[in-house]
PDB file of N, CA and C in Angstrom:
ATOM      1  N   MET A   1     -59.354  49.940 -53.346  1.00  0.00           N
ATOM      2  CA  MET A   1     -59.696  48.805 -52.519  1.00  0.00           C
ATOM      3  C   MET A   1     -58.829  47.598 -52.891  1.00  0.00           C
ATOM      4  N   LYS A   2     -58.649  47.365 -54.219  1.00  0.00           N
ATOM      5  CA  LYS A   2     -57.818  46.258 -54.648  1.00  0.00           C
ATOM      6  C   LYS A   2     -56.382  46.461 -54.183  1.00  0.00           C
ATOM      7  N   LEU A   3     -55.917  47.687 -54.263  1.00  0.00           N
ATOM      8  CA  LEU A   3     -54.555  47.992 -53.826  1.00  0.00           C
ATOM      9  C   LEU A   3     -54.404  47.712 -52.339  1.00  0.00           C
ATOM     10  N   TYR A   4     -55.419  48.042 -51.570  1.00  0.00           N
ATOM     11  CA  TYR A   4     -55.418  47.808 -50.129  1.00  0.00           C
ATOM     12  C   TYR A   4     -55.370  46.309 -49.845  1.00  0.00           C
ATOM     13  N   LEU A   5     -56.218  45.532 -50.497  1.00  0.00           N
ATOM     14  CA  LEU A   5     -56.230  44.083 -50.329  1.00  0.00           C
ATOM     15  C   LEU A   5     -54.912  43.466 -50.789  1.00  0.00           C
ATOM     16  N   TYR A   6     -54.385  43.989 -51.912  1.00  0.00           N
ATOM     17  CA  TYR A   6     -53.115  43.509 -52.427  1.00  0.00           C
ATOM     18  C   TYR A   6     -52.007  43.766 -51.406  1.00  0.00           C
ATOM     19  N   SER A   7     -52.022  44.936 -50.779  1.00  0.00           N
ATOM     20  CA  SER A   7     -51.024  45.281 -49.756  1.00  0.00           C
ATOM     21  C   SER A   7     -51.141  44.353 -48.559  1.00  0.00           C
ATOM     22  N   ILE A   8     -52.372  44.070 -48.156  1.00  0.00           N
ATOM     23  CA  ILE A   8     -52.580  43.176 -47.014  1.00  0.00           C
ATOM     24  C   ILE A   8     -52.069  41.776 -47.344  1.00  0.00           C
ATOM     25  N   VAL A   9     -52.345  41.293 -48.529  1.00  0.00           N
ATOM     26  CA  VAL A   9     -51.872  39.969 -48.944  1.00  0.00           C
ATOM     27  C   VAL A   9     -50.348  39.940 -48.942  1.00  0.00           C
ATOM     28  N   ILE A  10     -49.727  40.986 -49.450  1.00  0.00           N
ATOM     29  CA  ILE A  10     -48.252  41.049 -49.473  1.00  0.00           C
ATOM     30  C   ILE A  10     -47.701  41.034 -48.053  1.00  0.00           C
ATOM     31  N   ILE A  11     -48.333  41.783 -47.162  1.00  0.00           N
ATOM     32  CA  ILE A  11     -47.888  41.816 -45.761  1.00  0.00           C
ATOM     33  C   ILE A  11     -48.039  40.435 -45.130  1.00  0.00           C
ATOM     34  N   ILE A  12     -49.184  39.777 -45.389  1.00  0.00           N
ATOM     35  CA  ILE A  12     -49.417  38.446 -44.827  1.00  0.00           C
ATOM     36  C   ILE A  12     -48.393  37.454 -45.370  1.00  0.00           C
ATOM     37  N   VAL A  13     -48.135  37.501 -46.667  1.00  0.00           N
ATOM     38  CA  VAL A  13     -47.141  36.614 -47.276  1.00  0.00           C
ATOM     39  C   VAL A  13     -45.767  36.875 -46.673  1.00  0.00           C
ATOM     40  N   ALA A  14     -45.425  38.132 -46.466  1.00  0.00           N
ATOM     41  CA  ALA A  14     -44.131  38.482 -45.871  1.00  0.00           C
ATOM     42  C   ALA A  14     -44.039  37.941 -44.450  1.00  0.00           C
ATOM     43  N   GLN A  15     -45.114  38.091 -43.684  1.00  0.00           N
ATOM     44  CA  GLN A  15     -45.113  37.593 -42.315  1.00  0.00           C
ATOM     45  C   GLN A  15     -45.026  36.066 -42.296  1.00  0.00           C
ATOM     46  N   LEU A  16     -45.740  35.421 -43.206  1.00  0.00           N
ATOM     47  CA  LEU A  16     -45.653  33.960 -43.286  1.00  0.00           C
ATOM     48  C   LEU A  16     -44.247  33.520 -43.659  1.00  0.00           C
ATOM     49  N   SER A  17     -43.616  34.276 -44.520  1.00  0.00           N
ATOM     50  CA  SER A  17     -42.242  33.974 -44.905  1.00  0.00           C
ATOM     51  C   SER A  17     -41.319  34.083 -43.701  1.00  0.00           C
ATOM     52  N   VAL A  18     -41.506  35.136 -42.896  1.00  0.00           N
ATOM     53  CA  VAL A  18     -40.700  35.319 -41.686  1.00  0.00           C
ATOM     54  C   VAL A  18     -40.969  34.174 -40.714  1.00  0.00           C
ATOM     55  N   LEU A  19     -42.277  33.832 -40.540  1.00  0.00           N
ATOM     56  CA  LEU A  19     -42.620  32.724 -39.650  1.00  0.00           C
ATOM     57  C   LEU A  19     -42.025  31.422 -40.147  1.00  0.00           C
ATOM     58  N   SER A  20     -42.053  31.230 -41.456  1.00  0.00           N
ATOM     59  CA  SER A  20     -41.474  30.025 -42.042  1.00  0.00           C
ATOM     60  C   SER A  20     -39.974  29.978 -41.769  1.00  0.00           C
ATOM     61  N   ASP A  21     -39.317  31.147 -41.939  1.00  0.00           N
ATOM     62  CA  ASP A  21     -37.880  31.210 -41.651  1.00  0.00           C
ATOM     63  C   ASP A  21     -37.621  30.934 -40.174  1.00  0.00           C
ATOM     64  N   GLU A  22     -38.467  31.509 -39.305  1.00  0.00           N
ATOM     65  CA  GLU A  22     -38.305  31.283 -37.866  1.00  0.00           C
ATOM     66  C   GLU A  22     -38.541  29.812 -37.537  1.00  0.00           C
ATOM     67  N   ALA A  23     -39.572  29.226 -38.168  1.00  0.00           N
ATOM     68  CA  ALA A  23     -39.852  27.803 -37.945  1.00  0.00           C
ATOM     69  C   ALA A  23     -38.678  26.961 -38.414  1.00  0.00           C
ATOM     70  N   SER A  24     -38.114  27.328 -39.544  1.00  0.00           N
ATOM     71  CA  SER A  24     -36.952  26.621 -40.071  1.00  0.00           C
ATOM     72  C   SER A  24     -35.774  26.754 -39.107  1.00  0.00           C
ATOM     73  N   ASP A  25     -35.573  27.976 -38.592  1.00  0.00           N
ATOM     74  CA  ASP A  25     -34.501  28.200 -37.628  1.00  0.00           C
ATOM     75  C   ASP A  25     -34.749  27.404 -36.344  1.00  0.00           C
ATOM     76  N   LYS A  26     -36.019  27.384 -35.892  1.00  0.00           N
ATOM     77  CA  LYS A  26     -36.345  26.636 -34.683  1.00  0.00           C
ATOM     78  C   LYS A  26     -36.146  25.141 -34.896  1.00  0.00           C
ATOM     79  N   LYS A  27     -36.506  24.653 -36.077  1.00  0.00           N
ATOM     80  CA  LYS A  27     -36.304  23.230 -36.372  1.00  0.00           C
ATOM     81  C   LYS A  27     -34.820  22.897 -36.361  1.00  0.00           C
ATOM     82  N   ALA A  28     -34.033  23.760 -36.972  1.00  0.00           N
ATOM     83  CA  ALA A  28     -32.580  23.531 -36.983  1.00  0.00           C
ATOM     84  C   ALA A  28     -32.042  23.535 -35.554  1.00  0.00           C
ATOM     85  N   LEU A  29     -32.515  24.497 -34.755  1.00  0.00           N
ATOM     86  CA  LEU A  29     -32.081  24.569 -33.358  1.00  0.00           C
ATOM     87  C   LEU A  29     -32.510  23.315 -32.607  1.00  0.00           C
ATOM     88  N   ASN A  30     -33.752  22.900 -32.795  1.00  0.00           N
ATOM     89  CA  ASN A  30     -34.239  21.687 -32.132  1.00  0.00           C
ATOM     90  C   ASN A  30     -33.443  20.456 -32.552  1.00  0.00           C
ATOM     91  N   ASP A  31     -33.123  20.370 -33.826  1.00  0.00           N
ATOM     92  CA  ASP A  31     -32.327  19.238 -34.313  1.00  0.00           C
ATOM     93  C   ASP A  31     -30.960  19.206 -33.651  1.00  0.00           C
ATOM     94  N   VAL A  32     -30.322  20.368 -33.555  1.00  0.00           N
ATOM     95  CA  VAL A  32     -28.996  20.448 -32.931  1.00  0.00           C
ATOM     96  C   VAL A  32     -29.095  20.110 -31.444  1.00  0.00           C
ATOM     97  N   MET A  33     -30.137  20.643 -30.793  1.00  0.00           N
ATOM     98  CA  MET A  33     -30.304  20.358 -29.365  1.00  0.00           C
ATOM     99  C   MET A  33     -30.587  18.877 -29.127  1.00  0.00           C
ATOM    100  N   ALA A  34     -31.371  18.263 -29.998  1.00  0.00           N
ATOM    101  CA  ALA A  34     -31.665  16.835 -29.858  1.00  0.00           C
ATOM    102  C   ALA A  34     -30.400  16.002 -30.043  1.00  0.00           C
ATOM    103  N   GLU A  35     -29.598  16.354 -31.026  1.00  0.00           N
ATOM    104  CA  GLU A  35     -28.340  15.627 -31.245  1.00  0.00           C
ATOM    105  C   GLU A  35     -27.422  15.785 -30.039  1.00  0.00           C
ATOM    106  N   ARG A  36     -27.362  17.003 -29.501  1.00  0.00           N
ATOM    107  CA  ARG A  36     -26.523  17.246 -28.317  1.00  0.00           C
ATOM    108  C   ARG A  36     -27.015  16.413 -27.144  1.00  0.00           C
ATOM    109  N   ALA A  37     -28.331  16.350 -26.952  1.00  0.00           N
ATOM    110  CA  ALA A  37     -28.887  15.559 -25.851  1.00  0.00           C
ATOM    111  C   ALA A  37     -28.521  14.086 -26.008  1.00  0.00           C
ATOM    112  N   GLU A  38     -28.634  13.560 -27.215  1.00  0.00           N
ATOM    113  CA  GLU A  38     -28.261  12.167 -27.472  1.00  0.00           C
ATOM    114  C   GLU A  38     -26.793  11.933 -27.151  1.00  0.00           C
ATOM    115  N   LEU A  39     -25.947  12.874 -27.554  1.00  0.00           N
ATOM    116  CA  LEU A  39     -24.516  12.731 -27.278  1.00  0.00           C
ATOM    117  C   LEU A  39     -24.230  12.815 -25.780  1.00  0.00           C
ATOM    118  N   MET A  40     -24.938  13.696 -25.083  1.00  0.00           N
ATOM    119  CA  MET A  40     -24.741  13.816 -23.641  1.00  0.00           C
ATOM    120  C   MET A  40     -25.127  12.518 -22.934  1.00  0.00           C
ATOM    121  N   ILE A  41     -26.235  11.914 -23.366  1.00  0.00           N
ATOM    122  CA  ILE A  41     -26.671  10.646 -22.777  1.00  0.00           C
ATOM    123  C   ILE A  41     -25.643   9.557 -23.057  1.00  0.00           C
ATOM    124  N   LYS A  42     -25.189   9.494 -24.304  1.00  0.00           N
ATOM    125  CA  LYS A  42     -24.183   8.485 -24.668  1.00  0.00           C
ATOM    126  C   LYS A  42     -22.906   8.683 -23.852  1.00  0.00           C
ATOM    127  N   ALA A  43     -22.471   9.933 -23.725  1.00  0.00           N
ATOM    128  CA  ALA A  43     -21.261  10.221 -22.953  1.00  0.00           C
ATOM    129  C   ALA A  43     -21.447   9.833 -21.483  1.00  0.00           C
ATOM    130  N   HIS A  44     -22.630  10.092 -20.944  1.00  0.00           N
ATOM    131  CA  HIS A  44     -22.909   9.756 -19.543  1.00  0.00           C
ATOM    132  C   HIS A  44     -22.802   8.245 -19.322  1.00  0.00           C
ATOM    133  N   TYR A  45     -23.465   7.463 -20.189  1.00  0.00           N
ATOM    134  CA  TYR A  45     -23.415   6.013 -20.033  1.00  0.00           C
ATOM    135  C   TYR A  45     -22.011   5.469 -20.265  1.00  0.00           C
ATOM    136  N   THR A  46     -21.313   6.009 -21.236  1.00  0.00           N
ATOM    137  CA  THR A  46     -19.948   5.558 -21.503  1.00  0.00           C
ATOM    138  C   THR A  46     -19.037   5.893 -20.331  1.00  0.00           C
ATOM    139  N   GLN A  47     -19.202   7.088 -19.758  1.00  0.00           N
ATOM    140  CA  GLN A  47     -18.401   7.473 -18.596  1.00  0.00           C
ATOM    141  C   GLN A  47     -18.715   6.566 -17.409  1.00  0.00           C
ATOM    142  N   ALA A  48     -19.971   6.205 -17.241  1.00  0.00           N
ATOM    143  CA  ALA A  48     -20.345   5.287 -16.154  1.00  0.00           C
ATOM    144  C   ALA A  48     -19.659   3.936 -16.339  1.00  0.00           C
ATOM    145  N   GLU A  49     -19.614   3.451 -17.570  1.00  0.00           N
ATOM    146  CA  GLU A  49     -18.906   2.198 -17.852  1.00  0.00           C
ATOM    147  C   GLU A  49     -17.426   2.328 -17.517  1.00  0.00           C
ATOM    148  N   LEU A  50     -16.833   3.442 -17.905  1.00  0.00           N
ATOM    149  CA  LEU A  50     -15.412   3.662 -17.615  1.00  0.00           C
ATOM    150  C   LEU A  50     -15.163   3.727 -16.114  1.00  0.00           C
ATOM    151  N   ASN A  51     -16.069   4.365 -15.388  1.00  0.00           N
ATOM    152  CA  ASN A  51     -15.898   4.484 -13.939  1.00  0.00           C
ATOM    153  C   ASN A  51     -15.954   3.135 -13.239  1.00  0.00           C
ATOM    154  N   LYS A  52     -16.694   2.187 -13.809  1.00  0.00           N
ATOM    155  CA  LYS A  52     -16.807   0.859 -13.209  1.00  0.00           C
ATOM    156  C   LYS A  52     -15.765  -0.114 -13.754  1.00  0.00           C
ATOM    157  N   ALA A  53     -15.077   0.242 -14.800  1.00  0.00           N
ATOM    158  CA  ALA A  53     -14.163  -0.691 -15.477  1.00  0.00           C
ATOM    159  C   ALA A  53     -13.054  -1.190 -14.550  1.00  0.00           C
ATOM    160  N   TRP A  54     -12.598  -0.355 -13.639  1.00  0.00           N
ATOM    161  CA  TRP A  54     -11.476  -0.761 -12.784  1.00  0.00           C
ATOM    162  C   TRP A  54     -11.822  -1.961 -11.915  1.00  0.00           C
ATOM    163  N   SER A  55     -13.115  -2.142 -11.605  1.00  0.00           N
ATOM    164  CA  SER A  55     -13.502  -3.268 -10.748  1.00  0.00           C
ATOM    165  C   SER A  55     -14.127  -4.419 -11.529  1.00  0.00           C
ATOM    166  N   ASP A  56     -14.152  -4.318 -12.841  1.00  0.00           N
ATOM    167  CA  ASP A  56     -14.734  -5.366 -13.686  1.00  0.00           C
ATOM    168  C   ASP A  56     -13.765  -6.546 -13.761  1.00  0.00           C
ATOM    169  N   LYS A  57     -14.192  -7.679 -13.209  1.00  0.00           N
ATOM    170  CA  LYS A  57     -13.326  -8.861 -13.169  1.00  0.00           C
ATOM    171  C   LYS A  57     -13.018  -9.411 -14.563  1.00  0.00           C
ATOM    172  N   ALA A  58     -13.844  -9.068 -15.546  1.00  0.00           N
ATOM    173  CA  ALA A  58     -13.582  -9.532 -16.914  1.00  0.00           C
ATOM    174  C   ALA A  58     -12.386  -8.807 -17.524  1.00  0.00           C
ATOM    175  N   LEU A  59     -12.099  -7.627 -17.018  1.00  0.00           N
ATOM    176  CA  LEU A  59     -10.960  -6.855 -17.507  1.00  0.00           C
ATOM    177  C   LEU A  59      -9.793  -7.112 -16.567  1.00  0.00           C
ATOM    178  N   THR A  60      -8.877  -7.943 -17.004  1.00  0.00           N
ATOM    179  CA  THR A  60      -7.815  -8.346 -16.091  1.00  0.00           C
ATOM    180  C   THR A  60      -6.511  -8.609 -16.819  1.00  0.00           C
ATOM    181  N   SER A  61      -5.478  -8.597 -16.026  1.00  0.00           N
ATOM    182  CA  SER A  61      -4.134  -8.974 -16.448  1.00  0.00           C
ATOM    183  C   SER A  61      -3.380  -9.262 -15.155  1.00  0.00           C
ATOM    184  N   PRO A  62      -2.213  -9.858 -15.230  1.00  0.00           N
ATOM    185  CA  PRO A  62      -1.461 -10.113 -13.996  1.00  0.00           C
ATOM    186  C   PRO A  62      -1.176  -8.822 -13.211  1.00  0.00           C
ATOM    187  N   GLU A  63      -0.833  -7.754 -13.911  1.00  0.00           N
ATOM    188  CA  GLU A  63      -0.557  -6.484 -13.234  1.00  0.00           C
ATOM    189  C   GLU A  63      -1.818  -5.932 -12.575  1.00  0.00           C
ATOM    190  N   ILE A  64      -2.934  -6.030 -13.272  1.00  0.00           N
ATOM    191  CA  ILE A  64      -4.203  -5.542 -12.708  1.00  0.00           C
ATOM    192  C   ILE A  64      -4.571  -6.357 -11.473  1.00  0.00           C
ATOM    193  N   GLU A  65      -4.377  -7.661 -11.519  1.00  0.00           N
ATOM    194  CA  GLU A  65      -4.701  -8.503 -10.359  1.00  0.00           C
ATOM    195  C   GLU A  65      -3.815  -8.161  -9.166  1.00  0.00           C
ATOM    196  N   LYS A  66      -2.545  -7.854  -9.406  1.00  0.00           N
ATOM    197  CA  LYS A  66      -1.655  -7.422  -8.317  1.00  0.00           C
ATOM    198  C   LYS A  66      -2.179  -6.131  -7.699  1.00  0.00           C
ATOM    199  N   LEU A  67      -2.574  -5.195  -8.565  1.00  0.00           N
ATOM    200  CA  LEU A  67      -3.095  -3.918  -8.072  1.00  0.00           C
ATOM    201  C   LEU A  67      -4.397  -4.112  -7.305  1.00  0.00           C
ATOM    202  N   ARG A  68      -5.247  -4.987  -7.782  1.00  0.00           N
ATOM    203  CA  ARG A  68      -6.501  -5.250  -7.068  1.00  0.00           C
ATOM    204  C   ARG A  68      -6.229  -5.872  -5.693  1.00  0.00           C
ATOM    205  N   ALA A  69      -5.269  -6.774  -5.632  1.00  0.00           N
ATOM    206  CA  ALA A  69      -4.911  -7.383  -4.350  1.00  0.00           C
ATOM    207  C   ALA A  69      -4.378  -6.314  -3.400  1.00  0.00           C
ATOM    208  N   ARG A  70      -3.552  -5.434  -3.915  1.00  0.00           N
ATOM    209  CA  ARG A  70      -3.012  -4.338  -3.087  1.00  0.00           C
ATOM    210  C   ARG A  70      -4.131  -3.420  -2.613  1.00  0.00           C
ATOM    211  N   TYR A  71      -5.074  -3.160  -3.501  1.00  0.00           N
ATOM    212  CA  TYR A  71      -6.220  -2.322  -3.149  1.00  0.00           C
ATOM    213  C   TYR A  71      -7.001  -2.962  -1.992  1.00  0.00           C
ATOM    214  N   GLN A  72      -7.213  -4.263  -2.056  1.00  0.00           N
ATOM    215  CA  GLN A  72      -7.921  -4.969  -0.988  1.00  0.00           C
ATOM    216  C   GLN A  72      -7.159  -4.866   0.331  1.00  0.00           C
ATOM    217  N   GLU A  73      -5.836  -5.039   0.267  1.00  0.00           N
ATOM    218  CA  GLU A  73      -5.009  -4.924   1.470  1.00  0.00           C
ATOM    219  C   GLU A  73      -5.139  -3.530   2.080  1.00  0.00           C
ATOM    220  N   LEU A  74      -5.038  -2.518   1.225  1.00  0.00           N
ATOM    221  CA  LEU A  74      -5.144  -1.145   1.710  1.00  0.00           C
ATOM    222  C   LEU A  74      -6.531  -0.850   2.277  1.00  0.00           C
ATOM    223  N   SER A  75      -7.559  -1.371   1.642  1.00  0.00           N
ATOM    224  CA  SER A  75      -8.923  -1.175   2.141  1.00  0.00           C
ATOM    225  C   SER A  75      -9.081  -1.781   3.527  1.00  0.00           C
ATOM    226  N   LEU A  76      -8.566  -2.996   3.700  1.00  0.00           N
ATOM    227  CA  LEU A  76      -8.637  -3.652   5.003  1.00  0.00           C
ATOM    228  C   LEU A  76      -7.857  -2.862   6.050  1.00  0.00           C
ATOM    229  N   GLU A  77      -6.664  -2.427   5.681  1.00  0.00           N
ATOM    230  CA  GLU A  77      -5.846  -1.642   6.606  1.00  0.00           C
ATOM    231  C   GLU A  77      -6.553  -0.336   6.982  1.00  0.00           C
ATOM    232  N   MET A  78      -7.145   0.334   6.002  1.00  0.00           N
ATOM    233  CA  MET A  78      -7.873   1.574   6.298  1.00  0.00           C
ATOM    234  C   MET A  78      -9.028   1.311   7.254  1.00  0.00           C
ATOM    235  N   HIS A  79      -9.735   0.212   7.051  1.00  0.00           N
ATOM    236  CA  HIS A  79     -10.851  -0.133   7.932  1.00  0.00           C
ATOM    237  C   HIS A  79     -10.350  -0.347   9.361  1.00  0.00           C
ATOM    238  N   GLN A  80      -9.251  -1.063   9.489  1.00  0.00           N
ATOM    239  CA  GLN A  80      -8.693  -1.323  10.820  1.00  0.00           C
ATOM    240  C   GLN A  80      -8.240  -0.032  11.494  1.00  0.00           C
ATOM    241  N   VAL A  81      -7.601   0.840  10.736  1.00  0.00           N
ATOM    242  CA  VAL A  81      -7.148   2.114  11.300  1.00  0.00           C
ATOM    243  C   VAL A  81      -8.348   2.960  11.709  1.00  0.00           C
ATOM    244  N   ARG A  82      -9.389   2.978  10.874  1.00  0.00           N
ATOM    245  CA  ARG A  82     -10.598   3.746  11.205  1.00  0.00           C
ATOM    246  C   ARG A  82     -11.191   3.248  12.516  1.00  0.00           C
ATOM    247  N   GLU A  83     -11.235   1.935  12.711  1.00  0.00           N
ATOM    248  CA  GLU A  83     -11.773   1.372  13.943  1.00  0.00           C
ATOM    249  C   GLU A  83     -10.912   1.760  15.151  1.00  0.00           C
ATOM    250  N   LYS A  84      -9.602   1.786  14.973  1.00  0.00           N
ATOM    251  CA  LYS A  84      -8.708   2.208  16.059  1.00  0.00           C
ATOM    252  C   LYS A  84      -8.954   3.679  16.403  1.00  0.00           C
ATOM    253  N   ILE A  85      -9.104   4.493  15.381  1.00  0.00           N
ATOM    254  CA  ILE A  85      -9.378   5.925  15.610  1.00  0.00           C
ATOM    255  C   ILE A  85     -10.688   6.080  16.372  1.00  0.00           C
ATOM    256  N   LYS A  86     -11.716   5.346  15.953  1.00  0.00           N
ATOM    257  CA  LYS A  86     -13.010   5.429  16.639  1.00  0.00           C
ATOM    258  C   LYS A  86     -12.870   5.053  18.110  1.00  0.00           C
ATOM    259  N   ALA A  87     -12.107   3.991  18.380  1.00  0.00           N
ATOM    260  CA  ALA A  87     -11.925   3.542  19.764  1.00  0.00           C
ATOM    261  C   ALA A  87     -11.198   4.598  20.592  1.00  0.00           C
ATOM    262  N   GLU A  88     -10.190   5.215  20.010  1.00  0.00           N
ATOM    263  CA  GLU A  88      -9.432   6.243  20.734  1.00  0.00           C
ATOM    264  C   GLU A  88     -10.283   7.493  20.961  1.00  0.00           C
ATOM    265  N   VAL A  89     -11.042   7.879  19.950  1.00  0.00           N
ATOM    266  CA  VAL A  89     -11.900   9.060  20.078  1.00  0.00           C
ATOM    267  C   VAL A  89     -12.983   8.811  21.128  1.00  0.00           C
ATOM    268  N   ALA A  90     -13.478   7.579  21.193  1.00  0.00           N
ATOM    269  CA  ALA A  90     -14.520   7.254  22.173  1.00  0.00           C
ATOM    270  C   ALA A  90     -14.032   7.423  23.603  1.00  0.00           C
ATOM    271  N   LYS A  91     -12.735   7.397  23.809  1.00  0.00           N
ATOM    272  CA  LYS A  91     -12.162   7.562  25.148  1.00  0.00           C
ATOM    273  C   LYS A  91     -12.093   9.023  25.581  1.00  0.00           C
ATOM    274  N   LEU A  92     -12.255   9.949  24.646  1.00  0.00           N
ATOM    275  CA  LEU A  92     -12.161  11.371  24.975  1.00  0.00           C
ATOM    276  C   LEU A  92     -13.345  11.795  25.847  1.00  0.00           C
ATOM    277  N   PRO A  93     -13.077  12.659  26.846  1.00  0.00           N
ATOM    278  CA  PRO A  93     -14.151  13.065  27.772  1.00  0.00           C
ATOM    279  C   PRO A  93     -15.381  13.672  27.074  1.00  0.00           C
ATOM    280  N   GLN A  94     -15.158  14.570  26.113  1.00  0.00           N
ATOM    281  CA  GLN A  94     -16.312  15.204  25.463  1.00  0.00           C
ATOM    282  C   GLN A  94     -17.148  14.196  24.676  1.00  0.00           C
ATOM    283  N   ILE A  95     -16.513  13.156  24.175  1.00  0.00           N
ATOM    284  CA  ILE A  95     -17.245  12.122  23.444  1.00  0.00           C
ATOM    285  C   ILE A  95     -17.993  11.219  24.422  1.00  0.00           C
ATOM    286  N   LYS A  96     -17.392  10.945  25.568  1.00  0.00           N
ATOM    287  CA  LYS A  96     -18.078  10.153  26.592  1.00  0.00           C
ATOM    288  C   LYS A  96     -19.363  10.852  27.032  1.00  0.00           C
ATOM    289  N   VAL A  97     -19.295  12.189  27.170  1.00  0.00           N
ATOM    290  CA  VAL A  97     -20.483  12.954  27.546  1.00  0.00           C
ATOM    291  C   VAL A  97     -21.567  12.810  26.484  1.00  0.00           C
ATOM    292  N   LYS A  98     -21.184  12.942  25.235  1.00  0.00           N
ATOM    293  CA  LYS A  98     -22.144  12.796  24.134  1.00  0.00           C
ATOM    294  C   LYS A  98     -22.750  11.395  24.122  1.00  0.00           C
ATOM    295  N   ALA A  99     -21.922  10.373  24.372  1.00  0.00           N
ATOM    296  CA  ALA A  99     -22.414   8.998  24.388  1.00  0.00           C
ATOM    297  C   ALA A  99     -23.430   8.806  25.513  1.00  0.00           C
ATOM    298  N   GLU A 100     -23.179   9.423  26.672  1.00  0.00           N
ATOM    299  CA  GLU A 100     -24.131   9.345  27.784  1.00  0.00           C
ATOM    300  C   GLU A 100     -25.434  10.051  27.426  1.00  0.00           C
ATOM    301  N   GLU A 101     -25.335  11.190  26.722  1.00  0.00           N
ATOM    302  CA  GLU A 101     -26.533  11.901  26.280  1.00  0.00           C
ATOM    303  C   GLU A 101     -27.371  11.005  25.360  1.00  0.00           C
ATOM    304  N   VAL A 102     -26.711  10.321  24.454  1.00  0.00           N
ATOM    305  CA  VAL A 102     -27.418   9.431  23.530  1.00  0.00           C
ATOM    306  C   VAL A 102     -28.092   8.305  24.308  1.00  0.00           C
ATOM    307  N   LYS A 103     -27.386   7.742  25.289  1.00  0.00           N
ATOM    308  CA  LYS A 103     -27.968   6.674  26.115  1.00  0.00           C
ATOM    309  C   LYS A 103     -29.223   7.170  26.829  1.00  0.00           C
ATOM    310  N   ALA A 104     -29.133   8.366  27.390  1.00  0.00           N
ATOM    311  CA  ALA A 104     -30.269   8.928  28.119  1.00  0.00           C
ATOM    312  C   ALA A 104     -31.457   9.173  27.191  1.00  0.00           C
ATOM    313  N   VAL A 105     -31.189   9.715  26.033  1.00  0.00           N
ATOM    314  CA  VAL A 105     -32.264   9.976  25.070  1.00  0.00           C
ATOM    315  C   VAL A 105     -32.902   8.667  24.633  1.00  0.00           C
ATOM    316  N   ASN A 106     -32.105   7.670  24.332  1.00  0.00           N
ATOM    317  CA  ASN A 106     -32.641   6.375  23.919  1.00  0.00           C
ATOM    318  C   ASN A 106     -33.442   5.718  25.034  1.00  0.00           C
ATOM    319  N   SER A 107     -32.969   5.852  26.257  1.00  0.00           N
ATOM    320  CA  SER A 107     -33.684   5.297  27.398  1.00  0.00           C
ATOM    321  C   SER A 107     -35.056   5.961  27.533  1.00  0.00           C
ATOM    322  N   ARG A 108     -35.074   7.286  27.438  1.00  0.00           N
ATOM    323  CA  ARG A 108     -36.345   8.023  27.527  1.00  0.00           C
ATOM    324  C   ARG A 108     -37.269   7.633  26.370  1.00  0.00           C
ATOM    325  N   LYS A 109     -36.712   7.473  25.208  1.00  0.00           N
ATOM    326  CA  LYS A 109     -37.495   7.064  24.036  1.00  0.00           C
ATOM    327  C   LYS A 109     -38.137   5.706  24.290  1.00  0.00           C
ATOM    328  N   ASP A 110     -37.369   4.766  24.859  1.00  0.00           N
ATOM    329  CA  ASP A 110     -37.900   3.437  25.159  1.00  0.00           C
ATOM    330  C   ASP A 110     -39.035   3.520  26.181  1.00  0.00           C
ATOM    331  N   GLU A 111     -38.851   4.370  27.192  1.00  0.00           N
ATOM    332  CA  GLU A 111     -39.905   4.568  28.192  1.00  0.00           C
ATOM    333  C   GLU A 111     -41.179   5.084  27.541  1.00  0.00           C
ATOM    334  N   LEU A 112     -41.032   6.052  26.654  1.00  0.00           N
ATOM    335  CA  LEU A 112     -42.194   6.619  25.978  1.00  0.00           C
ATOM    336  C   LEU A 112     -42.872   5.598  25.077  1.00  0.00           C
ATOM    337  N   GLU A 113     -42.089   4.759  24.440  1.00  0.00           N
ATOM    338  CA  GLU A 113     -42.666   3.703  23.606  1.00  0.00           C
ATOM    339  C   GLU A 113     -43.500   2.735  24.444  1.00  0.00           C
ATOM    340  N   GLU A 114     -42.996   2.396  25.611  1.00  0.00           N
ATOM    341  CA  GLU A 114     -43.736   1.511  26.522  1.00  0.00           C
ATOM    342  C   GLU A 114     -45.037   2.180  26.960  1.00  0.00           C
ATOM    343  N   LYS A 115     -44.954   3.459  27.265  1.00  0.00           N
ATOM    344  CA  LYS A 115     -46.141   4.192  27.700  1.00  0.00           C
ATOM    345  C   LYS A 115     -47.177   4.252  26.575  1.00  0.00           C
ATOM    346  N   ILE A 116     -46.700   4.438  25.363  1.00  0.00           N
ATOM    347  CA  ILE A 116     -47.600   4.457  24.205  1.00  0.00           C
ATOM    348  C   ILE A 116     -48.306   3.119  24.070  1.00  0.00           C
ATOM    349  N   LYS A 117     -47.570   2.017  24.258  1.00  0.00           N
ATOM    350  CA  LYS A 117     -48.172   0.687  24.189  1.00  0.00           C
ATOM    351  C   LYS A 117     -49.249   0.521  25.258  1.00  0.00           C
ATOM    352  N   GLU A 118     -48.954   1.003  26.474  1.00  0.00           N
ATOM    353  CA  GLU A 118     -49.911   0.895  27.575  1.00  0.00           C
ATOM    354  C   GLU A 118     -51.166   1.703  27.299  1.00  0.00           C
ATOM    355  N   LEU A 119     -51.016   2.871  26.715  1.00  0.00           N
ATOM    356  CA  LEU A 119     -52.144   3.753  26.460  1.00  0.00           C
ATOM    357  C   LEU A 119     -52.939   3.373  25.219  1.00  0.00           C
ATOM    358  N   SER A 120     -52.354   2.544  24.395  1.00  0.00           N
ATOM    359  CA  SER A 120     -53.040   2.154  23.149  1.00  0.00           C
ATOM    360  C   SER A 120     -54.045   1.058  23.375  1.00  0.00           C
TER     361      SER A 120
END
């Protein structure tokens, strides 16, 4: 009986040792994962700062100001070209049909809104 109890105690101690080792391994894994998460967050915020740095007025030099002015010119030109493209596309027959469809749908929607007001 003592031998049996002694064997059970040895088995329990061995299992606790394995669990302790597993817990130790899990703690080490958790520590590494936590450090990685902290680094990922830091990298994300730092990258966000870098992504905004080009437009930060505090970061400047004569060359940067020239480039920013050129960027503004190009942005304005792109906007103007986009508007010209929109105007030309609006002249196309298939687009005119779509525009008429939108007008009709909006008109019907307005009629239904009026009817809803009357019925309310």
